[in-house]
Amino acid sequence: MTFCISMTSSTPPIPELIKDFFASNSILSWFFWGVLLIILGIVATLFLTGNVHKLLNFFQQNTFILIRIRLKLMLRISFG
């Protein structure tokens, strides 16, 4: 990433940072785009096959499990 040195601000504005992240060839960027494409592919397949209700039912049934997993991850990140 390239940053311009400015007299008024030591860091570039947020949109520039986001643009640099998505334009970079870092592993994190590749991972993000890969996950995004996989999710879009699954959703597109469900729409094309008419199984959208199955996806909605899955999220309704597993909402508490997903929330519990998120809380565990947050606790592990914050407390090590």
Protein backbone atom coordinates (compact mmCIF):
# COMPACT_ATOMS: atom_id res chain seq x y z
CA MET A 1 0.00 0.00 0.00
CA THR A 2 1.19 3.47 -0.73
CA PHE A 3 0.37 6.39 1.52
CA CYS A 4 0.70 10.06 0.74
CA ILE A 5 2.33 12.18 3.42
CA SER A 6 0.13 15.12 4.26
CA MET A 7 0.75 18.13 6.44
CA THR A 8 -2.76 18.04 7.93
CA SER A 9 -3.25 14.34 8.63
CA SER A 10 -0.90 11.49 9.46
CA THR A 11 -3.22 8.78 8.12
CA PRO A 12 -5.11 8.66 4.84
CA PRO A 13 -8.91 8.89 4.96
CA ILE A 14 -10.89 5.71 5.51
CA PRO A 15 -12.15 5.36 1.90
CA GLU A 16 -8.55 5.41 0.68
CA LEU A 17 -7.60 2.68 3.17
CA ILE A 18 -10.55 0.53 2.06
CA LYS A 19 -9.69 1.07 -1.61
CA ASP A 20 -6.06 0.15 -0.96
CA PHE A 21 -7.12 -3.01 0.92
CA PHE A 22 -9.34 -4.26 -1.90
CA ALA A 23 -6.77 -3.35 -4.56
CA SER A 24 -3.88 -5.03 -2.74
CA ASN A 25 -2.72 -8.57 -3.39
CA SER A 26 -2.41 -9.52 0.28
CA ILE A 27 -3.49 -12.94 1.54
CA LEU A 28 -6.22 -11.32 3.64
CA SER A 29 -7.66 -9.63 0.57
CA TRP A 30 -7.60 -12.86 -1.42
CA PHE A 31 -9.27 -14.71 1.48
CA PHE A 32 -11.99 -12.05 1.75
CA TRP A 33 -12.78 -12.16 -1.98
CA GLY A 34 -12.76 -15.97 -1.96
CA VAL A 35 -15.22 -16.18 0.93
CA LEU A 36 -17.41 -13.52 -0.67
CA LEU A 37 -17.51 -15.39 -3.98
CA ILE A 38 -18.35 -18.68 -2.26
CA ILE A 39 -21.23 -17.06 -0.32
CA LEU A 40 -22.55 -15.37 -3.47
CA GLY A 41 -22.33 -18.67 -5.34
CA ILE A 42 -24.32 -20.50 -2.67
CA VAL A 43 -26.99 -17.78 -2.54
CA ALA A 44 -27.23 -17.67 -6.36
CA THR A 45 -27.59 -21.46 -6.51
CA LEU A 46 -30.35 -21.38 -3.90
CA PHE A 47 -32.18 -18.67 -5.83
CA LEU A 48 -31.87 -20.55 -9.12
CA THR A 49 -33.08 -23.82 -7.61
CA GLY A 50 -35.86 -22.19 -5.62
CA ASN A 51 -34.54 -23.33 -2.24
CA VAL A 52 -34.36 -19.93 -0.60
CA HIS A 53 -36.75 -21.05 2.12
CA LYS A 54 -34.26 -23.74 3.17
CA LEU A 55 -31.57 -21.11 3.71
CA LEU A 56 -33.97 -18.94 5.73
CA ASN A 57 -35.06 -21.92 7.84
CA PHE A 58 -31.42 -22.83 8.49
CA PHE A 59 -30.65 -19.36 9.82
CA GLN A 60 -33.83 -19.24 11.90
CA GLN A 61 -33.08 -22.60 13.52
CA ASN A 62 -29.39 -21.93 14.10
CA THR A 63 -29.51 -18.28 15.20
CA PHE A 64 -28.71 -19.09 18.82
CA ILE A 65 -25.86 -21.40 17.82
CA LEU A 66 -24.36 -18.71 15.59
CA ILE A 67 -24.66 -16.09 18.34
CA ARG A 68 -23.00 -18.47 20.83
CA ILE A 69 -20.12 -19.12 18.42
CA ARG A 70 -19.63 -15.37 17.90
CA LEU A 71 -19.58 -14.76 21.65
CA LYS A 72 -17.01 -17.52 22.17
CA LEU A 73 -14.80 -16.08 19.44
CA MET A 74 -15.09 -12.58 20.89
CA LEU A 75 -14.14 -13.84 24.34
CA ARG A 76 -11.15 -15.76 22.96
CA ILE A 77 -9.95 -12.71 21.05
CA SER A 78 -10.37 -10.31 23.97
CA PHE A 79 -8.98 -12.56 26.74
CA GLY A 80 -6.54 -14.66 24.74
